[in-house]
Structures are given as structure tokens and as C-alpha cells.
PDB file of N, CA and C in Angstrom:
ATOM      1  N   UNK A   1     -26.322 -74.854 226.178  1.00  0.00           N
ATOM      2  CA  UNK A   1     -25.524 -74.113 227.128  1.00  0.00           C
ATOM      3  C   UNK A   1     -26.416 -73.432 228.090  1.00  0.00           C
ATOM      4  N   UNK A   2     -26.091 -73.587 229.322  1.00  0.00           N
ATOM      5  CA  UNK A   2     -26.896 -72.867 230.314  1.00  0.00           C
ATOM      6  C   UNK A   2     -25.860 -72.070 231.090  1.00  0.00           C
ATOM      7  N   UNK A   3     -26.091 -70.816 231.413  1.00  0.00           N
ATOM      8  CA  UNK A   3     -25.213 -69.998 232.229  1.00  0.00           C
ATOM      9  C   UNK A   3     -25.971 -69.340 233.332  1.00  0.00           C
ATOM     10  N   UNK A   4     -25.177 -68.805 234.298  1.00  0.00           N
ATOM     11  CA  UNK A   4     -25.796 -68.080 235.494  1.00  0.00           C
ATOM     12  C   UNK A   4     -25.520 -66.653 235.266  1.00  0.00           C
ATOM     13  N   UNK A   5     -26.504 -65.887 235.565  1.00  0.00           N
ATOM     14  CA  UNK A   5     -26.419 -64.409 235.343  1.00  0.00           C
ATOM     15  C   UNK A   5     -26.510 -63.756 236.780  1.00  0.00           C
ATOM     16  N   UNK A   6     -25.583 -62.896 237.010  1.00  0.00           N
ATOM     17  CA  UNK A   6     -25.554 -62.149 238.252  1.00  0.00           C
ATOM     18  C   UNK A   6     -25.530 -60.645 238.078  1.00  0.00           C
ATOM     19  N   UNK A   7     -26.184 -59.892 239.009  1.00  0.00           N
ATOM     20  CA  UNK A   7     -26.221 -58.525 238.840  1.00  0.00           C
ATOM     21  C   UNK A   7     -25.197 -58.018 239.984  1.00  0.00           C
ATOM     22  N   UNK A   8     -24.729 -56.745 239.718  1.00  0.00           N
ATOM     23  CA  UNK A   8     -23.765 -56.131 240.677  1.00  0.00           C
ATOM     24  C   UNK A   8     -24.573 -55.345 241.792  1.00  0.00           C
ATOM     25  N   UNK A   9     -24.106 -55.296 242.879  1.00  0.00           N
ATOM     26  CA  UNK A   9     -24.685 -54.534 243.954  1.00  0.00           C
ATOM     27  C   UNK A   9     -23.988 -53.183 243.897  1.00  0.00           C
ATOM     28  N   UNK A  10     -22.890 -52.981 243.241  1.00  0.00           N
ATOM     29  CA  UNK A  10     -22.065 -51.742 243.271  1.00  0.00           C
ATOM     30  C   UNK A  10     -22.253 -50.964 242.051  1.00  0.00           C
ATOM     31  N   UNK A  11     -22.612 -51.671 240.911  1.00  0.00           N
ATOM     32  CA  UNK A  11     -22.690 -50.929 239.655  1.00  0.00           C
ATOM     33  C   UNK A  11     -24.051 -51.219 238.993  1.00  0.00           C
ATOM     34  N   UNK A  12     -24.977 -50.147 238.972  1.00  0.00           N
ATOM     35  CA  UNK A  12     -26.250 -50.288 238.315  1.00  0.00           C
ATOM     36  C   UNK A  12     -26.236 -50.833 237.096  1.00  0.00           C
ATOM     37  N   UNK A  13     -27.131 -51.647 236.688  1.00  0.00           N
ATOM     38  CA  UNK A  13     -27.456 -52.329 235.398  1.00  0.00           C
ATOM     39  C   UNK A  13     -26.139 -53.007 234.866  1.00  0.00           C
ATOM     40  N   UNK A  14     -25.306 -53.545 235.696  1.00  0.00           N
ATOM     41  CA  UNK A  14     -24.128 -54.292 235.250  1.00  0.00           C
ATOM     42  C   UNK A  14     -24.389 -55.742 235.638  1.00  0.00           C
ATOM     43  N   UNK A  15     -24.203 -56.691 234.621  1.00  0.00           N
ATOM     44  CA  UNK A  15     -24.459 -58.151 234.799  1.00  0.00           C
ATOM     45  C   UNK A  15     -23.299 -58.923 234.432  1.00  0.00           C
ATOM     46  N   UNK A  16     -23.035 -60.051 235.168  1.00  0.00           N
ATOM     47  CA  UNK A  16     -21.951 -60.997 234.919  1.00  0.00           C
ATOM     48  C   UNK A  16     -22.486 -62.315 234.569  1.00  0.00           C
ATOM     49  N   UNK A  17     -22.280 -62.773 233.456  1.00  0.00           N
ATOM     50  CA  UNK A  17     -22.595 -64.102 232.974  1.00  0.00           C
ATOM     51  C   UNK A  17     -21.382 -65.051 233.213  1.00  0.00           C
ATOM     52  N   UNK A  18     -21.720 -66.201 233.832  1.00  0.00           N
ATOM     53  CA  UNK A  18     -20.626 -67.145 234.055  1.00  0.00           C
ATOM     54  C   UNK A  18     -21.126 -68.569 233.653  1.00  0.00           C
ATOM     55  N   UNK A  19     -20.171 -69.421 233.360  1.00  0.00           N
ATOM     56  CA  UNK A  19     -20.547 -70.783 232.786  1.00  0.00           C
ATOM     57  C   UNK A  19     -21.486 -71.600 233.715  1.00  0.00           C
ATOM     58  N   UNK A  20     -21.132 -71.533 235.171  1.00  0.00           N
ATOM     59  CA  UNK A  20     -21.883 -72.307 236.022  1.00  0.00           C
ATOM     60  C   UNK A  20     -22.099 -71.593 237.323  1.00  0.00           C
ATOM     61  N   UNK A  21     -23.163 -71.817 237.997  1.00  0.00           N
ATOM     62  CA  UNK A  21     -23.597 -71.101 239.188  1.00  0.00           C
ATOM     63  C   UNK A  21     -22.540 -71.227 240.217  1.00  0.00           C
ATOM     64  N   UNK A  22     -22.151 -70.007 240.731  1.00  0.00           N
ATOM     65  CA  UNK A  22     -21.286 -69.803 241.815  1.00  0.00           C
ATOM     66  C   UNK A  22     -19.777 -70.194 241.537  1.00  0.00           C
ATOM     67  N   UNK A  23     -19.409 -70.184 240.223  1.00  0.00           N
ATOM     68  CA  UNK A  23     -18.104 -70.557 239.700  1.00  0.00           C
ATOM     69  C   UNK A  23     -17.504 -69.235 239.166  1.00  0.00           C
ATOM     70  N   UNK A  24     -16.668 -68.613 239.920  1.00  0.00           N
ATOM     71  CA  UNK A  24     -16.035 -67.354 239.451  1.00  0.00           C
ATOM     72  C   UNK A  24     -14.518 -67.474 239.334  1.00  0.00           C
ATOM     73  N   UNK A  25     -14.023 -68.633 239.237  1.00  0.00           N
ATOM     74  CA  UNK A  25     -12.587 -68.855 239.305  1.00  0.00           C
ATOM     75  C   UNK A  25     -11.897 -68.225 238.009  1.00  0.00           C
ATOM     76  N   UNK A  26     -12.677 -68.230 236.784  1.00  0.00           N
ATOM     77  CA  UNK A  26     -12.095 -67.676 235.611  1.00  0.00           C
ATOM     78  C   UNK A  26     -12.239 -66.159 235.432  1.00  0.00           C
ATOM     79  N   UNK A  27     -12.977 -65.601 236.373  1.00  0.00           N
ATOM     80  CA  UNK A  27     -13.166 -64.036 236.409  1.00  0.00           C
ATOM     81  C   UNK A  27     -12.138 -63.353 237.048  1.00  0.00           C
ATOM     82  N   UNK A  28     -11.368 -62.443 236.424  1.00  0.00           N
ATOM     83  CA  UNK A  28     -10.287 -61.782 237.014  1.00  0.00           C
ATOM     84  C   UNK A  28     -10.648 -61.139 238.419  1.00  0.00           C
ATOM     85  N   UNK A  29      -9.677 -61.125 239.339  1.00  0.00           N
ATOM     86  CA  UNK A  29      -9.877 -60.765 240.700  1.00  0.00           C
ATOM     87  C   UNK A  29     -10.326 -59.191 240.734  1.00  0.00           C
ATOM     88  N   UNK A  30      -9.682 -58.434 239.915  1.00  0.00           N
ATOM     89  CA  UNK A  30      -9.955 -56.959 239.796  1.00  0.00           C
ATOM     90  C   UNK A  30     -11.358 -56.737 239.367  1.00  0.00           C
ATOM     91  N   UNK A  31     -11.816 -57.598 238.505  1.00  0.00           N
ATOM     92  CA  UNK A  31     -13.203 -57.381 237.995  1.00  0.00           C
ATOM     93  C   UNK A  31     -14.222 -57.744 239.061  1.00  0.00           C
ATOM     94  N   UNK A  32     -13.899 -58.763 239.871  1.00  0.00           N
ATOM     95  CA  UNK A  32     -14.705 -59.146 240.921  1.00  0.00           C
ATOM     96  C   UNK A  32     -14.870 -58.040 241.914  1.00  0.00           C
ATOM     97  N   UNK A  33     -13.740 -57.476 242.219  1.00  0.00           N
ATOM     98  CA  UNK A  33     -13.689 -56.283 243.227  1.00  0.00           C
ATOM     99  C   UNK A  33     -14.614 -55.290 242.754  1.00  0.00           C
ATOM    100  N   UNK A  34     -14.435 -54.798 241.407  1.00  0.00           N
ATOM    101  CA  UNK A  34     -15.247 -53.665 240.847  1.00  0.00           C
ATOM    102  C   UNK A  34     -16.676 -54.132 240.836  1.00  0.00           C
ATOM    103  N   UNK A  35     -16.948 -55.428 240.570  1.00  0.00           N
ATOM    104  CA  UNK A  35     -18.338 -55.832 240.431  1.00  0.00           C
ATOM    105  C   UNK A  35     -19.058 -56.033 241.765  1.00  0.00           C
ATOM    106  N   UNK A  36     -18.216 -56.345 242.816  1.00  0.00           N
ATOM    107  CA  UNK A  36     -18.798 -56.507 244.157  1.00  0.00           C
ATOM    108  C   UNK A  36     -19.514 -57.788 244.436  1.00  0.00           C
ATOM    109  N   UNK A  37     -20.089 -58.027 245.467  1.00  0.00           N
ATOM    110  CA  UNK A  37     -20.694 -59.382 245.746  1.00  0.00           C
ATOM    111  C   UNK A  37     -21.873 -59.637 244.735  1.00  0.00           C
ATOM    112  N   UNK A  38     -21.682 -60.609 243.866  1.00  0.00           N
ATOM    113  CA  UNK A  38     -22.709 -60.864 242.901  1.00  0.00           C
ATOM    114  C   UNK A  38     -23.999 -61.403 243.534  1.00  0.00           C
ATOM    115  N   UNK A  39     -25.173 -60.907 242.933  1.00  0.00           N
ATOM    116  CA  UNK A  39     -26.434 -61.566 243.303  1.00  0.00           C
ATOM    117  C   UNK A  39     -27.090 -62.373 242.110  1.00  0.00           C
ATOM    118  N   UNK A  40     -27.324 -63.541 242.234  1.00  0.00           N
ATOM    119  CA  UNK A  40     -27.923 -64.325 241.246  1.00  0.00           C
ATOM    120  C   UNK A  40     -29.276 -63.843 240.799  1.00  0.00           C
ATOM    121  N   UNK A  41     -29.415 -63.702 239.571  1.00  0.00           N
ATOM    122  CA  UNK A  41     -30.612 -63.183 238.892  1.00  0.00           C
ATOM    123  C   UNK A  41     -31.400 -64.382 238.249  1.00  0.00           C
ATOM    124  N   UNK A  42     -30.730 -65.162 237.591  1.00  0.00           N
ATOM    125  CA  UNK A  42     -31.330 -66.353 236.824  1.00  0.00           C
ATOM    126  C   UNK A  42     -30.310 -67.328 236.254  1.00  0.00           C
ATOM    127  N   UNK A  43     -30.842 -68.419 236.010  1.00  0.00           N
ATOM    128  CA  UNK A  43     -30.115 -69.436 235.267  1.00  0.00           C
ATOM    129  C   UNK A  43     -30.654 -69.297 233.779  1.00  0.00           C
ATOM    130  N   UNK A  44     -29.855 -69.257 232.825  1.00  0.00           N
ATOM    131  CA  UNK A  44     -30.305 -68.763 231.529  1.00  0.00           C
ATOM    132  C   UNK A  44     -29.818 -69.752 230.383  1.00  0.00           C
ATOM    133  N   UNK A  45     -30.886 -70.599 229.737  1.00  0.00           N
ATOM    134  CA  UNK A  45     -30.473 -71.565 228.709  1.00  0.00           C
ATOM    135  C   UNK A  45     -30.188 -70.785 227.387  1.00  0.00           C
ATOM    136  N   UNK A  46     -28.943 -70.571 227.050  1.00  0.00           N
ATOM    137  CA  UNK A  46     -28.657 -69.841 225.882  1.00  0.00           C
ATOM    138  C   UNK A  46     -28.872 -70.636 224.607  1.00  0.00           C
ATOM    139  N   UNK A  47     -28.937 -71.962 224.661  1.00  0.00           N
ATOM    140  CA  UNK A  47     -29.053 -72.723 223.462  1.00  0.00           C
ATOM    141  C   UNK A  47     -30.495 -72.666 222.943  1.00  0.00           C
ATOM    142  N   UNK A  48     -31.376 -72.239 223.788  1.00  0.00           N
ATOM    143  CA  UNK A  48     -32.826 -72.142 223.439  1.00  0.00           C
ATOM    144  C   UNK A  48     -33.168 -70.668 223.077  1.00  0.00           C
ATOM    145  N   UNK A  49     -32.201 -69.719 222.922  1.00  0.00           N
ATOM    146  CA  UNK A  49     -32.508 -68.347 222.615  1.00  0.00           C
ATOM    147  C   UNK A  49     -31.742 -67.799 221.337  1.00  0.00           C
ATOM    148  N   UNK A  50     -32.508 -66.994 220.659  1.00  0.00           N
ATOM    149  CA  UNK A  50     -31.957 -66.329 219.415  1.00  0.00           C
ATOM    150  C   UNK A  50     -31.329 -64.972 219.675  1.00  0.00           C
ATOM    151  N   UNK A  51     -31.721 -64.341 220.784  1.00  0.00           N
ATOM    152  CA  UNK A  51     -31.224 -63.049 221.138  1.00  0.00           C
ATOM    153  C   UNK A  51     -31.409 -62.829 222.548  1.00  0.00           C
ATOM    154  N   UNK A  52     -30.732 -61.741 223.115  1.00  0.00           N
ATOM    155  CA  UNK A  52     -30.856 -61.356 224.386  1.00  0.00           C
ATOM    156  C   UNK A  52     -31.161 -59.782 224.433  1.00  0.00           C
ATOM    157  N   UNK A  53     -31.596 -59.303 225.494  1.00  0.00           N
ATOM    158  CA  UNK A  53     -32.106 -57.862 225.527  1.00  0.00           C
ATOM    159  C   UNK A  53     -31.082 -56.915 224.988  1.00  0.00           C
ATOM    160  N   UNK A  54     -29.894 -56.828 225.764  1.00  0.00           N
ATOM    161  CA  UNK A  54     -29.015 -55.770 225.562  1.00  0.00           C
ATOM    162  C   UNK A  54     -27.581 -56.293 225.128  1.00  0.00           C
ATOM    163  N   UNK A  55     -27.580 -57.546 224.967  1.00  0.00           N
ATOM    164  CA  UNK A  55     -26.230 -58.225 224.550  1.00  0.00           C
ATOM    165  C   UNK A  55     -26.273 -59.038 223.373  1.00  0.00           C
ATOM    166  N   UNK A  56     -25.333 -59.178 222.536  1.00  0.00           N
ATOM    167  CA  UNK A  56     -25.197 -60.062 221.460  1.00  0.00           C
ATOM    168  C   UNK A  56     -24.859 -61.396 221.870  1.00  0.00           C
ATOM    169  N   UNK A  57     -25.929 -62.219 221.618  1.00  0.00           N
ATOM    170  CA  UNK A  57     -25.903 -63.607 222.075  1.00  0.00           C
ATOM    171  C   UNK A  57     -24.714 -64.372 221.600  1.00  0.00           C
ATOM    172  N   UNK A  58     -24.359 -64.225 220.426  1.00  0.00           N
ATOM    173  CA  UNK A  58     -23.213 -64.838 219.815  1.00  0.00           C
ATOM    174  C   UNK A  58     -21.872 -64.475 220.581  1.00  0.00           C
ATOM    175  N   UNK A  59     -21.823 -63.232 221.035  1.00  0.00           N
ATOM    176  CA  UNK A  59     -20.579 -62.714 221.838  1.00  0.00           C
ATOM    177  C   UNK A  59     -20.628 -63.327 223.108  1.00  0.00           C
ATOM    178  N   UNK A  60     -21.845 -63.447 223.732  1.00  0.00           N
ATOM    179  CA  UNK A  60     -21.929 -63.856 225.133  1.00  0.00           C
ATOM    180  C   UNK A  60     -21.467 -65.362 225.099  1.00  0.00           C
ATOM    181  N   UNK A  61     -21.984 -66.186 224.224  1.00  0.00           N
ATOM    182  CA  UNK A  61     -21.652 -67.520 224.091  1.00  0.00           C
ATOM    183  C   UNK A  61     -20.224 -67.662 223.812  1.00  0.00           C
ATOM    184  N   UNK A  62     -19.596 -66.894 222.908  1.00  0.00           N
ATOM    185  CA  UNK A  62     -18.180 -66.937 222.587  1.00  0.00           C
ATOM    186  C   UNK A  62     -17.208 -66.542 223.683  1.00  0.00           C
ATOM    187  N   UNK A  63     -17.518 -65.613 224.431  1.00  0.00           N
ATOM    188  CA  UNK A  63     -16.800 -65.157 225.589  1.00  0.00           C
ATOM    189  C   UNK A  63     -16.880 -66.138 226.749  1.00  0.00           C
ATOM    190  N   UNK A  64     -18.094 -66.655 226.915  1.00  0.00           N
ATOM    191  CA  UNK A  64     -18.207 -67.728 228.012  1.00  0.00           C
ATOM    192  C   UNK A  64     -17.253 -69.010 227.725  1.00  0.00           C
ATOM    193  N   UNK A  65     -17.106 -69.401 226.488  1.00  0.00           N
ATOM    194  CA  UNK A  65     -16.242 -70.419 226.218  1.00  0.00           C
ATOM    195  C   UNK A  65     -14.847 -70.152 226.358  1.00  0.00           C
ATOM    196  N   UNK A  66     -14.537 -68.803 225.685  1.00  0.00           N
ATOM    197  CA  UNK A  66     -13.103 -68.593 225.709  1.00  0.00           C
ATOM    198  C   UNK A  66     -12.576 -67.962 226.955  1.00  0.00           C
ATOM    199  N   UNK A  67     -13.403 -67.148 227.617  1.00  0.00           N
ATOM    200  CA  UNK A  67     -12.951 -66.498 228.955  1.00  0.00           C
ATOM    201  C   UNK A  67     -13.480 -67.028 230.143  1.00  0.00           C
ATOM    202  N   UNK A  68     -14.733 -67.739 230.053  1.00  0.00           N
ATOM    203  CA  UNK A  68     -15.373 -68.172 231.105  1.00  0.00           C
ATOM    204  C   UNK A  68     -16.463 -67.216 231.870  1.00  0.00           C
ATOM    205  N   UNK A  69     -16.475 -66.116 231.209  1.00  0.00           N
ATOM    206  CA  UNK A  69     -17.411 -65.097 231.704  1.00  0.00           C
ATOM    207  C   UNK A  69     -17.665 -63.948 230.569  1.00  0.00           C
ATOM    208  N   UNK A  70     -18.846 -63.300 230.795  1.00  0.00           N
ATOM    209  CA  UNK A  70     -19.188 -62.130 229.953  1.00  0.00           C
ATOM    210  C   UNK A  70     -19.669 -61.022 230.903  1.00  0.00           C
ATOM    211  N   UNK A  71     -19.213 -59.865 230.689  1.00  0.00           N
ATOM    212  CA  UNK A  71     -19.649 -58.700 231.582  1.00  0.00           C
ATOM    213  C   UNK A  71     -20.514 -57.799 230.738  1.00  0.00           C
ATOM    214  N   UNK A  72     -21.781 -57.576 231.094  1.00  0.00           N
ATOM    215  CA  UNK A  72     -22.717 -56.685 230.524  1.00  0.00           C
ATOM    216  C   UNK A  72     -22.711 -55.324 231.262  1.00  0.00           C
ATOM    217  N   UNK A  73     -22.289 -54.245 230.583  1.00  0.00           N
ATOM    218  CA  UNK A  73     -22.367 -52.936 231.175  1.00  0.00           C
ATOM    219  C   UNK A  73     -23.471 -52.072 230.624  1.00  0.00           C
ATOM    220  N   UNK A  74     -24.068 -51.134 231.319  1.00  0.00           N
ATOM    221  CA  UNK A  74     -25.049 -50.347 230.691  1.00  0.00           C
ATOM    222  C   UNK A  74     -24.355 -49.415 229.638  1.00  0.00           C
ATOM    223  N   UNK A  75     -25.272 -48.982 228.624  1.00  0.00           N
ATOM    224  CA  UNK A  75     -24.789 -48.156 227.681  1.00  0.00           C
ATOM    225  C   UNK A  75     -24.218 -46.806 228.179  1.00  0.00           C
ATOM    226  N   UNK A  76     -23.329 -46.121 227.703  1.00  0.00           N
ATOM    227  CA  UNK A  76     -22.945 -44.889 228.215  1.00  0.00           C
ATOM    228  C   UNK A  76     -24.087 -43.767 228.269  1.00  0.00           C
ATOM    229  N   UNK A  77     -24.080 -42.904 229.246  1.00  0.00           N
ATOM    230  CA  UNK A  77     -25.029 -41.817 229.246  1.00  0.00           C
ATOM    231  C   UNK A  77     -24.768 -40.814 228.082  1.00  0.00           C
ATOM    232  N   UNK A  78     -25.764 -40.432 227.545  1.00  0.00           N
ATOM    233  CA  UNK A  78     -25.559 -39.393 226.473  1.00  0.00           C
ATOM    234  C   UNK A  78     -25.936 -38.083 226.958  1.00  0.00           C
ATOM    235  N   UNK A  79     -25.042 -37.040 226.773  1.00  0.00           N
ATOM    236  CA  UNK A  79     -25.327 -35.756 227.106  1.00  0.00           C
ATOM    237  C   UNK A  79     -26.151 -35.133 226.105  1.00  0.00           C
ATOM    238  N   UNK A  80     -27.472 -34.920 226.309  1.00  0.00           N
ATOM    239  CA  UNK A  80     -28.268 -34.559 225.106  1.00  0.00           C
ATOM    240  C   UNK A  80     -28.010 -33.001 224.819  1.00  0.00           C
ATOM    241  N   UNK A  81     -27.599 -32.067 225.682  1.00  0.00           N
ATOM    242  CA  UNK A  81     -27.356 -30.735 225.348  1.00  0.00           C
ATOM    243  C   UNK A  81     -26.111 -30.732 224.454  1.00  0.00           C
ATOM    244  N   UNK A  82     -25.112 -31.510 224.764  1.00  0.00           N
ATOM    245  CA  UNK A  82     -23.820 -31.471 223.850  1.00  0.00           C
ATOM    246  C   UNK A  82     -24.190 -31.999 222.555  1.00  0.00           C
ATOM    247  N   UNK A  83     -25.053 -33.058 222.384  1.00  0.00           N
ATOM    248  CA  UNK A  83     -25.400 -33.630 221.112  1.00  0.00           C
ATOM    249  C   UNK A  83     -26.104 -32.678 220.394  1.00  0.00           C
ATOM    250  N   UNK A  84     -27.070 -31.876 221.002  1.00  0.00           N
ATOM    251  CA  UNK A  84     -27.792 -30.807 220.363  1.00  0.00           C
ATOM    252  C   UNK A  84     -26.887 -29.731 219.798  1.00  0.00           C
ATOM    253  N   UNK A  85     -25.957 -29.374 220.637  1.00  0.00           N
ATOM    254  CA  UNK A  85     -24.994 -28.346 220.131  1.00  0.00           C
ATOM    255  C   UNK A  85     -24.105 -28.689 218.904  1.00  0.00           C
ATOM    256  N   UNK A  86     -23.717 -30.024 218.891  1.00  0.00           N
ATOM    257  CA  UNK A  86     -23.089 -30.583 217.736  1.00  0.00           C
ATOM    258  C   UNK A  86     -24.029 -30.494 216.425  1.00  0.00           C
ATOM    259  N   UNK A  87     -25.207 -30.894 216.643  1.00  0.00           N
ATOM    260  CA  UNK A  87     -26.220 -30.959 215.471  1.00  0.00           C
ATOM    261  C   UNK A  87     -26.384 -29.570 214.936  1.00  0.00           C
ATOM    262  N   UNK A  88     -26.465 -28.527 215.742  1.00  0.00           N
ATOM    263  CA  UNK A  88     -26.783 -27.166 215.214  1.00  0.00           C
ATOM    264  C   UNK A  88     -25.478 -26.385 214.862  1.00  0.00           C
ATOM    265  N   UNK A  89     -24.265 -27.024 215.220  1.00  0.00           N
ATOM    266  CA  UNK A  89     -22.941 -26.364 214.886  1.00  0.00           C
ATOM    267  C   UNK A  89     -22.602 -25.409 215.794  1.00  0.00           C
ATOM    268  N   UNK A  90     -23.071 -25.422 217.109  1.00  0.00           N
ATOM    269  CA  UNK A  90     -22.699 -24.486 218.031  1.00  0.00           C
ATOM    270  C   UNK A  90     -21.312 -24.797 218.677  1.00  0.00           C
ATOM    271  N   UNK A  91     -20.498 -23.820 218.596  1.00  0.00           N
ATOM    272  CA  UNK A  91     -19.092 -24.057 219.087  1.00  0.00           C
ATOM    273  C   UNK A  91     -18.838 -23.427 220.500  1.00  0.00           C
ATOM    274  N   UNK A  92     -19.726 -22.540 220.989  1.00  0.00           N
ATOM    275  CA  UNK A  92     -19.570 -21.902 222.197  1.00  0.00           C
ATOM    276  C   UNK A  92     -18.500 -20.789 222.359  1.00  0.00           C
ATOM    277  N   UNK A  93     -18.094 -20.322 221.152  1.00  0.00           N
ATOM    278  CA  UNK A  93     -17.034 -19.314 221.091  1.00  0.00           C
ATOM    279  C   UNK A  93     -17.764 -17.941 220.914  1.00  0.00           C
TER     280      UNK A  93
END
């Protein structure tokens, strides 16, 4: 299985995996609007890989087959100050 990987020009660190190069018919229109004009990053042979950097390869393969695309978003930003307050039990009152 080979897929095409595109990056978003509108959303940093967001990637769209599709079954074939330049075929976005199965990607919802609203998602394409949010993603913006896709820029091809690479053609990726999934069958020759055991893992991917930030995505679960089995989920990528599964969603490519079932939905025709996989969207990889960056992990949420962690507010370190709030995390520290929770750890020390600070309630701010």
C-alpha cells in the first residue's frame, strides 16, 4: 500500500494521507477548506513500514481503506503552569 502525504499551508504540523496522489474525492469538503491547499510532502510505502513518527500505522492503513484519508494533527499544547498547579494542589483561592 502506497499513499500520498500532504501538509497543510493553513495549519502547522497537520498532514493529510490519501490513497493516491492528487485524489481528494473521498475527503470531506469542510476538511479540505480547513486544511487549505495541500502541498505534497512524499509518497509513502506503508506496506514496508512497521511504524510512523507520530501516527499509529495500523490506524492510518485502516482509515485509508475505510474513509479514503487519514488526518494527522499536532498534539495539543500543554499549559505547563496549569499542570504544575495541579501537581502541587494549588487551587488559586
